[in-house]
PDB file of N, CA and C in Angstrom:
ATOM      1  N   UNK A   1      25.808   1.108  12.383  1.00  0.00           N
ATOM      2  CA  UNK A   1      24.857   2.046  11.992  1.00  0.00           C
ATOM      3  C   UNK A   1      24.555   2.975  13.174  1.00  0.00           C
ATOM      4  N   UNK A   2      24.655   4.285  12.927  1.00  0.00           N
ATOM      5  CA  UNK A   2      24.514   5.221  14.026  1.00  0.00           C
ATOM      6  C   UNK A   2      23.115   5.624  14.382  1.00  0.00           C
ATOM      7  N   UNK A   3      22.107   5.309  13.574  1.00  0.00           N
ATOM      8  CA  UNK A   3      20.704   5.606  13.926  1.00  0.00           C
ATOM      9  C   UNK A   3      20.303   6.937  13.422  1.00  0.00           C
ATOM     10  N   UNK A   4      19.137   7.370  13.889  1.00  0.00           N
ATOM     11  CA  UNK A   4      18.502   8.631  13.475  1.00  0.00           C
ATOM     12  C   UNK A   4      18.730   9.603  14.617  1.00  0.00           C
ATOM     13  N   UNK A   5      19.532  10.631  14.315  1.00  0.00           N
ATOM     14  CA  UNK A   5      19.912  11.604  15.360  1.00  0.00           C
ATOM     15  C   UNK A   5      19.376  12.983  15.223  1.00  0.00           C
ATOM     16  N   UNK A   6      18.947  13.393  14.039  1.00  0.00           N
ATOM     17  CA  UNK A   6      18.377  14.721  13.841  1.00  0.00           C
ATOM     18  C   UNK A   6      17.211  14.709  12.877  1.00  0.00           C
ATOM     19  N   UNK A   7      16.576  15.810  12.695  1.00  0.00           N
ATOM     20  CA  UNK A   7      15.394  15.888  11.904  1.00  0.00           C
ATOM     21  C   UNK A   7      15.648  15.665  10.412  1.00  0.00           C
ATOM     22  N   UNK A   8      16.891  15.893   9.929  1.00  0.00           N
ATOM     23  CA  UNK A   8      17.223  15.587   8.588  1.00  0.00           C
ATOM     24  C   UNK A   8      17.207  14.094   8.352  1.00  0.00           C
ATOM     25  N   UNK A   9      17.714  13.318   9.280  1.00  0.00           N
ATOM     26  CA  UNK A   9      17.719  11.876   9.215  1.00  0.00           C
ATOM     27  C   UNK A   9      16.297  11.291   9.193  1.00  0.00           C
ATOM     28  N   UNK A  10      15.434  11.939  10.032  1.00  0.00           N
ATOM     29  CA  UNK A  10      13.982  11.528  10.049  1.00  0.00           C
ATOM     30  C   UNK A  10      13.321  11.779   8.703  1.00  0.00           C
ATOM     31  N   UNK A  11      13.642  12.960   8.113  1.00  0.00           N
ATOM     32  CA  UNK A  11      13.074  13.329   6.849  1.00  0.00           C
ATOM     33  C   UNK A  11      13.527  12.346   5.727  1.00  0.00           C
ATOM     34  N   UNK A  12      14.823  11.997   5.737  1.00  0.00           N
ATOM     35  CA  UNK A  12      15.346  11.109   4.749  1.00  0.00           C
ATOM     36  C   UNK A  12      14.690   9.688   4.931  1.00  0.00           C
ATOM     37  N   UNK A  13      14.499   9.287   6.157  1.00  0.00           N
ATOM     38  CA  UNK A  13      13.879   7.954   6.393  1.00  0.00           C
ATOM     39  C   UNK A  13      12.473   7.967   5.937  1.00  0.00           C
ATOM     40  N   UNK A  14      11.744   9.000   6.279  1.00  0.00           N
ATOM     41  CA  UNK A  14      10.306   9.081   5.891  1.00  0.00           C
ATOM     42  C   UNK A  14      10.156   9.101   4.375  1.00  0.00           C
ATOM     43  N   UNK A  15      10.928   9.903   3.703  1.00  0.00           N
ATOM     44  CA  UNK A  15      10.791  10.012   2.239  1.00  0.00           C
ATOM     45  C   UNK A  15      11.140   8.681   1.526  1.00  0.00           C
ATOM     46  N   UNK A  16      12.152   7.998   2.007  1.00  0.00           N
ATOM     47  CA  UNK A  16      12.526   6.708   1.436  1.00  0.00           C
ATOM     48  C   UNK A  16      11.430   5.705   1.635  1.00  0.00           C
ATOM     49  N   UNK A  17      10.999   5.577   2.887  1.00  0.00           N
ATOM     50  CA  UNK A  17       9.935   4.568   3.225  1.00  0.00           C
ATOM     51  C   UNK A  17       8.620   4.904   2.494  1.00  0.00           C
ATOM     52  N   UNK A  18       8.281   6.164   2.511  1.00  0.00           N
ATOM     53  CA  UNK A  18       6.979   6.603   1.910  1.00  0.00           C
ATOM     54  C   UNK A  18       7.082   6.414   0.379  1.00  0.00           C
ATOM     55  N   UNK A  19       8.191   6.595  -0.195  1.00  0.00           N
ATOM     56  CA  UNK A  19       8.372   6.356  -1.649  1.00  0.00           C
ATOM     57  C   UNK A  19       8.078   4.869  -1.963  1.00  0.00           C
ATOM     58  N   UNK A  20       8.569   3.960  -1.108  1.00  0.00           N
ATOM     59  CA  UNK A  20       8.327   2.547  -1.287  1.00  0.00           C
ATOM     60  C   UNK A  20       6.830   2.230  -1.077  1.00  0.00           C
ATOM     61  N   UNK A  21       6.160   2.869  -0.204  1.00  0.00           N
ATOM     62  CA  UNK A  21       4.757   2.723  -0.051  1.00  0.00           C
ATOM     63  C   UNK A  21       3.997   3.055  -1.320  1.00  0.00           C
ATOM     64  N   UNK A  22       4.389   4.201  -1.926  1.00  0.00           N
ATOM     65  CA  UNK A  22       3.792   4.664  -3.131  1.00  0.00           C
ATOM     66  C   UNK A  22       4.119   3.778  -4.360  1.00  0.00           C
ATOM     67  N   UNK A  23       5.342   3.206  -4.389  1.00  0.00           N
ATOM     68  CA  UNK A  23       5.765   2.349  -5.421  1.00  0.00           C
ATOM     69  C   UNK A  23       4.924   1.099  -5.487  1.00  0.00           C
ATOM     70  N   UNK A  24       4.844   0.416  -4.334  1.00  0.00           N
ATOM     71  CA  UNK A  24       4.075  -0.830  -4.282  1.00  0.00           C
ATOM     72  C   UNK A  24       2.551  -0.535  -4.541  1.00  0.00           C
ATOM     73  N   UNK A  25       2.086   0.606  -4.050  1.00  0.00           N
ATOM     74  CA  UNK A  25       0.682   0.968  -4.244  1.00  0.00           C
ATOM     75  C   UNK A  25       0.365   1.237  -5.736  1.00  0.00           C
ATOM     76  N   UNK A  26       1.291   1.922  -6.413  1.00  0.00           N
ATOM     77  CA  UNK A  26       1.171   2.177  -7.819  1.00  0.00           C
ATOM     78  C   UNK A  26       1.131   0.972  -8.632  1.00  0.00           C
ATOM     79  N   UNK A  27       2.122   0.061  -8.388  1.00  0.00           N
ATOM     80  CA  UNK A  27       2.134  -1.236  -9.099  1.00  0.00           C
ATOM     81  C   UNK A  27       0.837  -1.997  -8.896  1.00  0.00           C
ATOM     82  N   UNK A  28       0.386  -1.979  -7.680  1.00  0.00           N
ATOM     83  CA  UNK A  28      -0.895  -2.679  -7.350  1.00  0.00           C
ATOM     84  C   UNK A  28      -2.058  -2.120  -8.144  1.00  0.00           C
ATOM     85  N   UNK A  29      -2.170  -0.809  -8.203  1.00  0.00           N
ATOM     86  CA  UNK A  29      -3.320  -0.224  -8.947  1.00  0.00           C
ATOM     87  C   UNK A  29      -3.136  -0.446 -10.428  1.00  0.00           C
ATOM     88  N   UNK A  30      -1.951  -0.481 -10.977  1.00  0.00           N
ATOM     89  CA  UNK A  30      -1.698  -0.769 -12.395  1.00  0.00           C
ATOM     90  C   UNK A  30      -2.095  -2.211 -12.664  1.00  0.00           C
ATOM     91  N   UNK A  31      -1.761  -3.122 -11.800  1.00  0.00           N
ATOM     92  CA  UNK A  31      -2.146  -4.468 -12.036  1.00  0.00           C
ATOM     93  C   UNK A  31      -3.656  -4.666 -11.922  1.00  0.00           C
ATOM     94  N   UNK A  32      -4.297  -3.932 -10.967  1.00  0.00           N
ATOM     95  CA  UNK A  32      -5.768  -4.034 -10.882  1.00  0.00           C
ATOM     96  C   UNK A  32      -6.426  -3.519 -12.117  1.00  0.00           C
ATOM     97  N   UNK A  33      -5.903  -2.425 -12.696  1.00  0.00           N
ATOM     98  CA  UNK A  33      -6.432  -1.900 -13.956  1.00  0.00           C
ATOM     99  C   UNK A  33      -6.227  -2.830 -15.098  1.00  0.00           C
ATOM    100  N   UNK A  34      -5.064  -3.468 -15.178  1.00  0.00           N
ATOM    101  CA  UNK A  34      -4.809  -4.462 -16.217  1.00  0.00           C
ATOM    102  C   UNK A  34      -5.751  -5.656 -16.079  1.00  0.00           C
ATOM    103  N   UNK A  35      -5.963  -6.051 -14.859  1.00  0.00           N
ATOM    104  CA  UNK A  35      -6.840  -7.215 -14.649  1.00  0.00           C
ATOM    105  C   UNK A  35      -8.271  -6.903 -15.118  1.00  0.00           C
ATOM    106  N   UNK A  36      -8.709  -5.686 -14.865  1.00  0.00           N
ATOM    107  CA  UNK A  36     -10.092  -5.298 -15.295  1.00  0.00           C
ATOM    108  C   UNK A  36     -10.136  -5.193 -16.834  1.00  0.00           C
ATOM    109  N   UNK A  37      -9.036  -4.833 -17.455  1.00  0.00           N
ATOM    110  CA  UNK A  37      -9.035  -4.704 -18.924  1.00  0.00           C
ATOM    111  C   UNK A  37      -8.919  -6.034 -19.605  1.00  0.00           C
ATOM    112  N   UNK A  38      -8.432  -7.078 -18.914  1.00  0.00           N
ATOM    113  CA  UNK A  38      -8.273  -8.391 -19.573  1.00  0.00           C
ATOM    114  C   UNK A  38      -9.433  -9.339 -19.245  1.00  0.00           C
ATOM    115  N   UNK A  39     -10.607  -8.985 -19.702  1.00  0.00           N
ATOM    116  CA  UNK A  39     -11.776  -9.793 -19.408  1.00  0.00           C
ATOM    117  C   UNK A  39     -11.783 -11.092 -20.193  1.00  0.00           C
ATOM    118  N   UNK A  40     -11.036 -11.110 -21.344  1.00  0.00           N
ATOM    119  CA  UNK A  40     -11.094 -12.293 -22.188  1.00  0.00           C
ATOM    120  C   UNK A  40     -10.137 -13.410 -21.770  1.00  0.00           C
ATOM    121  N   UNK A  41      -9.170 -13.121 -20.866  1.00  0.00           N
ATOM    122  CA  UNK A  41      -8.229 -14.132 -20.413  1.00  0.00           C
ATOM    123  C   UNK A  41      -8.464 -14.340 -18.905  1.00  0.00           C
ATOM    124  N   UNK A  42      -9.220 -15.322 -18.545  1.00  0.00           N
ATOM    125  CA  UNK A  42      -9.577 -15.508 -17.137  1.00  0.00           C
ATOM    126  C   UNK A  42      -8.415 -15.875 -16.244  1.00  0.00           C
ATOM    127  N   UNK A  43      -7.482 -16.701 -16.753  1.00  0.00           N
ATOM    128  CA  UNK A  43      -6.356 -17.106 -15.966  1.00  0.00           C
ATOM    129  C   UNK A  43      -5.423 -15.913 -15.661  1.00  0.00           C
ATOM    130  N   UNK A  44      -5.157 -15.096 -16.718  1.00  0.00           N
ATOM    131  CA  UNK A  44      -4.268 -13.979 -16.472  1.00  0.00           C
ATOM    132  C   UNK A  44      -4.949 -12.925 -15.614  1.00  0.00           C
ATOM    133  N   UNK A  45      -6.216 -12.754 -15.799  1.00  0.00           N
ATOM    134  CA  UNK A  45      -6.981 -11.806 -14.931  1.00  0.00           C
ATOM    135  C   UNK A  45      -6.956 -12.220 -13.453  1.00  0.00           C
ATOM    136  N   UNK A  46      -7.110 -13.494 -13.184  1.00  0.00           N
ATOM    137  CA  UNK A  46      -7.022 -14.015 -11.794  1.00  0.00           C
ATOM    138  C   UNK A  46      -5.667 -13.815 -11.226  1.00  0.00           C
ATOM    139  N   UNK A  47      -4.619 -14.118 -12.040  1.00  0.00           N
ATOM    140  CA  UNK A  47      -3.268 -13.915 -11.564  1.00  0.00           C
ATOM    141  C   UNK A  47      -2.949 -12.456 -11.206  1.00  0.00           C
ATOM    142  N   UNK A  48      -3.343 -11.592 -12.130  1.00  0.00           N
ATOM    143  CA  UNK A  48      -3.151 -10.149 -11.902  1.00  0.00           C
ATOM    144  C   UNK A  48      -3.928  -9.607 -10.643  1.00  0.00           C
ATOM    145  N   UNK A  49      -5.078 -10.170 -10.492  1.00  0.00           N
ATOM    146  CA  UNK A  49      -5.897  -9.795  -9.310  1.00  0.00           C
ATOM    147  C   UNK A  49      -5.183 -10.180  -8.016  1.00  0.00           C
ATOM    148  N   UNK A  50      -4.701 -11.416  -7.979  1.00  0.00           N
ATOM    149  CA  UNK A  50      -4.007 -11.897  -6.762  1.00  0.00           C
ATOM    150  C   UNK A  50      -2.683 -11.118  -6.570  1.00  0.00           C
ATOM    151  N   UNK A  51      -1.985 -10.932  -7.585  1.00  0.00           N
ATOM    152  CA  UNK A  51      -0.727 -10.196  -7.581  1.00  0.00           C
ATOM    153  C   UNK A  51      -0.940  -8.751  -7.124  1.00  0.00           C
ATOM    154  N   UNK A  52      -2.017  -8.142  -7.588  1.00  0.00           N
ATOM    155  CA  UNK A  52      -2.288  -6.708  -7.168  1.00  0.00           C
ATOM    156  C   UNK A  52      -2.665  -6.642  -5.706  1.00  0.00           C
ATOM    157  N   UNK A  53      -3.402  -7.614  -5.261  1.00  0.00           N
ATOM    158  CA  UNK A  53      -3.775  -7.650  -3.820  1.00  0.00           C
ATOM    159  C   UNK A  53      -2.539  -7.872  -2.978  1.00  0.00           C
ATOM    160  N   UNK A  54      -1.602  -8.764  -3.412  1.00  0.00           N
ATOM    161  CA  UNK A  54      -0.392  -9.005  -2.689  1.00  0.00           C
ATOM    162  C   UNK A  54       0.470  -7.720  -2.616  1.00  0.00           C
ATOM    163  N   UNK A  55       0.544  -7.013  -3.722  1.00  0.00           N
ATOM    164  CA  UNK A  55       1.374  -5.819  -3.685  1.00  0.00           C
ATOM    165  C   UNK A  55       0.735  -4.721  -2.823  1.00  0.00           C
ATOM    166  N   UNK A  56      -0.617  -4.614  -2.802  1.00  0.00           N
ATOM    167  CA  UNK A  56      -1.235  -3.684  -1.945  1.00  0.00           C
ATOM    168  C   UNK A  56      -1.074  -4.053  -0.497  1.00  0.00           C
ATOM    169  N   UNK A  57      -1.066  -5.337  -0.115  1.00  0.00           N
ATOM    170  CA  UNK A  57      -0.833  -5.775   1.234  1.00  0.00           C
ATOM    171  C   UNK A  57       0.624  -5.398   1.656  1.00  0.00           C
ATOM    172  N   UNK A  58       1.553  -5.608   0.779  1.00  0.00           N
ATOM    173  CA  UNK A  58       2.956  -5.191   1.057  1.00  0.00           C
ATOM    174  C   UNK A  58       3.031  -3.740   1.298  1.00  0.00           C
ATOM    175  N   UNK A  59       2.348  -2.897   0.462  1.00  0.00           N
ATOM    176  CA  UNK A  59       2.377  -1.467   0.605  1.00  0.00           C
ATOM    177  C   UNK A  59       1.755  -1.082   1.952  1.00  0.00           C
ATOM    178  N   UNK A  60       0.597  -1.780   2.288  1.00  0.00           N
ATOM    179  CA  UNK A  60      -0.073  -1.504   3.523  1.00  0.00           C
ATOM    180  C   UNK A  60       0.847  -1.802   4.759  1.00  0.00           C
ATOM    181  N   UNK A  61       1.506  -2.946   4.706  1.00  0.00           N
ATOM    182  CA  UNK A  61       2.370  -3.286   5.852  1.00  0.00           C
ATOM    183  C   UNK A  61       3.606  -2.339   5.972  1.00  0.00           C
ATOM    184  N   UNK A  62       4.170  -1.954   4.865  1.00  0.00           N
ATOM    185  CA  UNK A  62       5.279  -0.996   4.906  1.00  0.00           C
ATOM    186  C   UNK A  62       4.778   0.298   5.526  1.00  0.00           C
ATOM    187  N   UNK A  63       3.572   0.702   5.204  1.00  0.00           N
ATOM    188  CA  UNK A  63       3.005   1.939   5.716  1.00  0.00           C
ATOM    189  C   UNK A  63       2.681   1.800   7.202  1.00  0.00           C
ATOM    190  N   UNK A  64       2.181   0.667   7.604  1.00  0.00           N
ATOM    191  CA  UNK A  64       1.897   0.448   9.017  1.00  0.00           C
ATOM    192  C   UNK A  64       3.174   0.517   9.854  1.00  0.00           C
ATOM    193  N   UNK A  65       4.257  -0.147   9.373  1.00  0.00           N
ATOM    194  CA  UNK A  65       5.507  -0.068  10.102  1.00  0.00           C
ATOM    195  C   UNK A  65       6.090   1.328  10.102  1.00  0.00           C
ATOM    196  N   UNK A  66       5.923   2.025   8.992  1.00  0.00           N
ATOM    197  CA  UNK A  66       6.373   3.408   8.958  1.00  0.00           C
ATOM    198  C   UNK A  66       5.652   4.280   9.983  1.00  0.00           C
ATOM    199  N   UNK A  67       4.345   4.090  10.023  1.00  0.00           N
ATOM    200  CA  UNK A  67       3.504   4.835  10.995  1.00  0.00           C
ATOM    201  C   UNK A  67       3.897   4.534  12.411  1.00  0.00           C
ATOM    202  N   UNK A  68       4.087   3.268  12.713  1.00  0.00           N
ATOM    203  CA  UNK A  68       4.513   2.887  14.077  1.00  0.00           C
ATOM    204  C   UNK A  68       5.899   3.540  14.402  1.00  0.00           C
ATOM    205  N   UNK A  69       6.800   3.464  13.461  1.00  0.00           N
ATOM    206  CA  UNK A  69       8.089   4.028  13.724  1.00  0.00           C
ATOM    207  C   UNK A  69       8.025   5.497  13.904  1.00  0.00           C
ATOM    208  N   UNK A  70       7.244   6.216  13.086  1.00  0.00           N
ATOM    209  CA  UNK A  70       7.085   7.648  13.220  1.00  0.00           C
ATOM    210  C   UNK A  70       6.469   8.012  14.575  1.00  0.00           C
ATOM    211  N   UNK A  71       5.522   7.254  15.028  1.00  0.00           N
ATOM    212  CA  UNK A  71       4.904   7.516  16.353  1.00  0.00           C
ATOM    213  C   UNK A  71       5.905   7.317  17.444  1.00  0.00           C
ATOM    214  N   UNK A  72       6.833   6.377  17.321  1.00  0.00           N
ATOM    215  CA  UNK A  72       7.886   6.201  18.347  1.00  0.00           C
ATOM    216  C   UNK A  72       8.873   7.341  18.258  1.00  0.00           C
ATOM    217  N   UNK A  73       9.159   7.862  17.064  1.00  0.00           N
ATOM    218  CA  UNK A  73      10.100   8.945  16.938  1.00  0.00           C
ATOM    219  C   UNK A  73       9.522  10.335  17.306  1.00  0.00           C
ATOM    220  N   UNK A  74       8.147  10.372  17.385  1.00  0.00           N
ATOM    221  CA  UNK A  74       7.537  11.674  17.623  1.00  0.00           C
ATOM    222  C   UNK A  74       7.805  12.155  19.040  1.00  0.00           C
ATOM    223  N   UNK A  75       8.210  11.263  19.945  1.00  0.00           N
ATOM    224  CA  UNK A  75       8.622  11.662  21.251  1.00  0.00           C
ATOM    225  C   UNK A  75       9.860  12.552  21.220  1.00  0.00           C
ATOM    226  N   UNK A  76      10.795  12.167  20.355  1.00  0.00           N
ATOM    227  CA  UNK A  76      12.077  12.902  20.261  1.00  0.00           C
ATOM    228  C   UNK A  76      12.044  14.016  19.270  1.00  0.00           C
ATOM    229  N   UNK A  77      11.239  13.940  18.264  1.00  0.00           N
ATOM    230  CA  UNK A  77      11.207  14.989  17.222  1.00  0.00           C
ATOM    231  C   UNK A  77       9.769  15.513  17.118  1.00  0.00           C
ATOM    232  N   UNK A  78       9.597  16.828  17.281  1.00  0.00           N
ATOM    233  CA  UNK A  78       8.260  17.425  17.315  1.00  0.00           C
ATOM    234  C   UNK A  78       7.668  17.582  15.884  1.00  0.00           C
ATOM    235  N   UNK A  79       8.565  17.837  14.925  1.00  0.00           N
ATOM    236  CA  UNK A  79       8.100  18.275  13.598  1.00  0.00           C
ATOM    237  C   UNK A  79       7.561  17.202  12.715  1.00  0.00           C
ATOM    238  N   UNK A  80       7.402  16.033  13.179  1.00  0.00           N
ATOM    239  CA  UNK A  80       6.978  14.960  12.291  1.00  0.00           C
ATOM    240  C   UNK A  80       5.464  14.632  12.427  1.00  0.00           C
ATOM    241  N   UNK A  81       4.707  15.457  13.111  1.00  0.00           N
ATOM    242  CA  UNK A  81       3.300  15.207  13.240  1.00  0.00           C
ATOM    243  C   UNK A  81       2.547  15.242  11.869  1.00  0.00           C
ATOM    244  N   UNK A  82       3.008  16.130  11.010  1.00  0.00           N
ATOM    245  CA  UNK A  82       2.403  16.222   9.633  1.00  0.00           C
ATOM    246  C   UNK A  82       2.621  14.902   8.902  1.00  0.00           C
ATOM    247  N   UNK A  83       3.825  14.319   9.014  1.00  0.00           N
ATOM    248  CA  UNK A  83       4.103  13.056   8.316  1.00  0.00           C
ATOM    249  C   UNK A  83       3.252  11.879   8.875  1.00  0.00           C
ATOM    250  N   UNK A  84       2.941  11.972  10.153  1.00  0.00           N
ATOM    251  CA  UNK A  84       2.089  10.916  10.753  1.00  0.00           C
ATOM    252  C   UNK A  84       0.706  11.049  10.173  1.00  0.00           C
ATOM    253  N   UNK A  85       0.233  12.229   9.967  1.00  0.00           N
ATOM    254  CA  UNK A  85      -1.099  12.481   9.410  1.00  0.00           C
ATOM    255  C   UNK A  85      -1.124  11.981   7.961  1.00  0.00           C
ATOM    256  N   UNK A  86      -0.131  12.321   7.198  1.00  0.00           N
ATOM    257  CA  UNK A  86      -0.005  11.899   5.772  1.00  0.00           C
ATOM    258  C   UNK A  86       0.035  10.374   5.672  1.00  0.00           C
ATOM    259  N   UNK A  87       0.798   9.730   6.473  1.00  0.00           N
ATOM    260  CA  UNK A  87       0.901   8.277   6.489  1.00  0.00           C
ATOM    261  C   UNK A  87      -0.451   7.616   6.924  1.00  0.00           C
ATOM    262  N   UNK A  88      -1.110   8.220   7.906  1.00  0.00           N
ATOM    263  CA  UNK A  88      -2.430   7.703   8.320  1.00  0.00           C
ATOM    264  C   UNK A  88      -3.510   7.862   7.228  1.00  0.00           C
ATOM    265  N   UNK A  89      -3.525   8.987   6.543  1.00  0.00           N
ATOM    266  CA  UNK A  89      -4.520   9.193   5.460  1.00  0.00           C
ATOM    267  C   UNK A  89      -4.199   8.187   4.322  1.00  0.00           C
ATOM    268  N   UNK A  90      -2.928   7.968   4.070  1.00  0.00           N
ATOM    269  CA  UNK A  90      -2.612   6.963   3.046  1.00  0.00           C
ATOM    270  C   UNK A  90      -3.018   5.573   3.422  1.00  0.00           C
ATOM    271  N   UNK A  91      -2.944   5.276   4.711  1.00  0.00           N
ATOM    272  CA  UNK A  91      -3.381   3.991   5.198  1.00  0.00           C
ATOM    273  C   UNK A  91      -4.924   3.839   5.004  1.00  0.00           C
ATOM    274  N   UNK A  92      -5.638   4.858   5.159  1.00  0.00           N
ATOM    275  CA  UNK A  92      -7.079   4.795   4.935  1.00  0.00           C
ATOM    276  C   UNK A  92      -7.357   4.510   3.434  1.00  0.00           C
ATOM    277  N   UNK A  93      -6.637   5.147   2.604  1.00  0.00           N
ATOM    278  CA  UNK A  93      -6.819   4.943   1.150  1.00  0.00           C
ATOM    279  C   UNK A  93      -6.443   3.476   0.764  1.00  0.00           C
ATOM    280  N   UNK A  94      -5.390   3.015   1.363  1.00  0.00           N
ATOM    281  CA  UNK A  94      -4.971   1.637   1.104  1.00  0.00           C
ATOM    282  C   UNK A  94      -6.048   0.648   1.529  1.00  0.00           C
ATOM    283  N   UNK A  95      -6.693   0.893   2.654  1.00  0.00           N
ATOM    284  CA  UNK A  95      -7.720   0.030   3.138  1.00  0.00           C
ATOM    285  C   UNK A  95      -8.902   0.034   2.095  1.00  0.00           C
ATOM    286  N   UNK A  96      -9.232   1.223   1.625  1.00  0.00           N
ATOM    287  CA  UNK A  96     -10.283   1.345   0.615  1.00  0.00           C
ATOM    288  C   UNK A  96      -9.919   0.578  -0.628  1.00  0.00           C
ATOM    289  N   UNK A  97      -8.722   0.727  -1.124  1.00  0.00           N
ATOM    290  CA  UNK A  97      -8.282  -0.017  -2.298  1.00  0.00           C
ATOM    291  C   UNK A  97      -8.266  -1.521  -2.065  1.00  0.00           C
ATOM    292  N   UNK A  98      -7.921  -2.013  -0.905  1.00  0.00           N
ATOM    293  CA  UNK A  98      -7.884  -3.396  -0.572  1.00  0.00           C
ATOM    294  C   UNK A  98      -9.323  -3.931  -0.578  1.00  0.00           C
ATOM    295  N   UNK A  99     -10.270  -3.226   0.016  1.00  0.00           N
ATOM    296  CA  UNK A  99     -11.597  -3.644   0.043  1.00  0.00           C
ATOM    297  C   UNK A  99     -12.180  -3.761  -1.416  1.00  0.00           C
ATOM    298  N   UNK A 100     -11.844  -2.751  -2.228  1.00  0.00           N
ATOM    299  CA  UNK A 100     -12.270  -2.754  -3.627  1.00  0.00           C
ATOM    300  C   UNK A 100     -11.676  -3.925  -4.405  1.00  0.00           C
ATOM    301  N   UNK A 101     -10.408  -4.165  -4.148  1.00  0.00           N
ATOM    302  CA  UNK A 101      -9.728  -5.301  -4.798  1.00  0.00           C
ATOM    303  C   UNK A 101     -10.299  -6.572  -4.390  1.00  0.00           C
ATOM    304  N   UNK A 102     -10.575  -6.771  -3.127  1.00  0.00           N
ATOM    305  CA  UNK A 102     -11.224  -8.017  -2.659  1.00  0.00           C
ATOM    306  C   UNK A 102     -12.619  -8.146  -3.228  1.00  0.00           C
ATOM    307  N   UNK A 103     -13.298  -7.052  -3.343  1.00  0.00           N
ATOM    308  CA  UNK A 103     -14.638  -7.074  -3.892  1.00  0.00           C
ATOM    309  C   UNK A 103     -14.631  -7.531  -5.397  1.00  0.00           C
ATOM    310  N   UNK A 104     -13.655  -6.950  -6.126  1.00  0.00           N
ATOM    311  CA  UNK A 104     -13.464  -7.417  -7.525  1.00  0.00           C
ATOM    312  C   UNK A 104     -13.052  -8.874  -7.628  1.00  0.00           C
ATOM    313  N   UNK A 105     -12.228  -9.234  -6.704  1.00  0.00           N
ATOM    314  CA  UNK A 105     -11.774 -10.660  -6.688  1.00  0.00           C
ATOM    315  C   UNK A 105     -12.895 -11.646  -6.368  1.00  0.00           C
ATOM    316  N   UNK A 106     -13.740 -11.282  -5.434  1.00  0.00           N
ATOM    317  CA  UNK A 106     -14.874 -12.172  -5.073  1.00  0.00           C
ATOM    318  C   UNK A 106     -15.873 -12.182  -6.229  1.00  0.00           C
ATOM    319  N   UNK A 107     -16.060 -11.039  -6.949  1.00  0.00           N
ATOM    320  CA  UNK A 107     -16.924 -11.025  -8.101  1.00  0.00           C
ATOM    321  C   UNK A 107     -16.439 -11.943  -9.126  1.00  0.00           C
ATOM    322  N   UNK A 108     -15.129 -11.948  -9.376  1.00  0.00           N
ATOM    323  CA  UNK A 108     -14.548 -12.797 -10.378  1.00  0.00           C
ATOM    324  C   UNK A 108     -14.690 -14.311  -9.974  1.00  0.00           C
ATOM    325  N   UNK A 109     -14.414 -14.585  -8.700  1.00  0.00           N
ATOM    326  CA  UNK A 109     -14.594 -15.997  -8.219  1.00  0.00           C
ATOM    327  C   UNK A 109     -16.034 -16.446  -8.401  1.00  0.00           C
ATOM    328  N   UNK A 110     -16.978 -15.584  -8.052  1.00  0.00           N
ATOM    329  CA  UNK A 110     -18.347 -15.917  -8.162  1.00  0.00           C
ATOM    330  C   UNK A 110     -18.745 -16.111  -9.658  1.00  0.00           C
ATOM    331  N   UNK A 111     -18.268 -15.252 -10.501  1.00  0.00           N
ATOM    332  CA  UNK A 111     -18.568 -15.394 -11.950  1.00  0.00           C
ATOM    333  C   UNK A 111     -17.989 -16.693 -12.505  1.00  0.00           C
ATOM    334  N   UNK A 112     -16.774 -17.026 -12.107  1.00  0.00           N
ATOM    335  CA  UNK A 112     -16.148 -18.290 -12.545  1.00  0.00           C
ATOM    336  C   UNK A 112     -16.952 -19.511 -11.996  1.00  0.00           C
ATOM    337  N   UNK A 113     -17.497 -19.382 -10.761  1.00  0.00           N
ATOM    338  CA  UNK A 113     -18.230 -20.420 -10.208  1.00  0.00           C
ATOM    339  C   UNK A 113     -19.540 -20.650 -10.837  1.00  0.00           C
ATOM    340  N   UNK A 114     -20.188 -19.568 -11.230  1.00  0.00           N
ATOM    341  CA  UNK A 114     -21.525 -19.647 -11.865  1.00  0.00           C
ATOM    342  C   UNK A 114     -21.395 -20.194 -13.298  1.00  0.00           C
ATOM    343  N   UNK A 115     -20.292 -19.903 -13.991  1.00  0.00           N
ATOM    344  CA  UNK A 115     -20.096 -20.372 -15.375  1.00  0.00           C
ATOM    345  C   UNK A 115     -19.934 -21.829 -15.383  1.00  0.00           C
TER     346      UNK A 115
END
């Protein structure tokens, strides 16, 4: 493997990695929405909640590693500062979604405990 040598290679790497971040994030949000819609099936709701949180954690980790790699490459390539900002803002959104998912999960656990 010859590595990343020019800005075109950086763009291809960013778009591929960022697409994966979006893919895992979208599946996570879809699972979270399905879990909220399935109030009648507690077992399936709990499974979807845990599955959604796991997918968002995967998306978060891929984005963190992408951000770290982009910061390392920013020494060599000047034009990627915009991509670092985009990745950082997405990271903040992922943290907000994770907090919300954990909040919903703890509400579910508390409701199951009270019943």
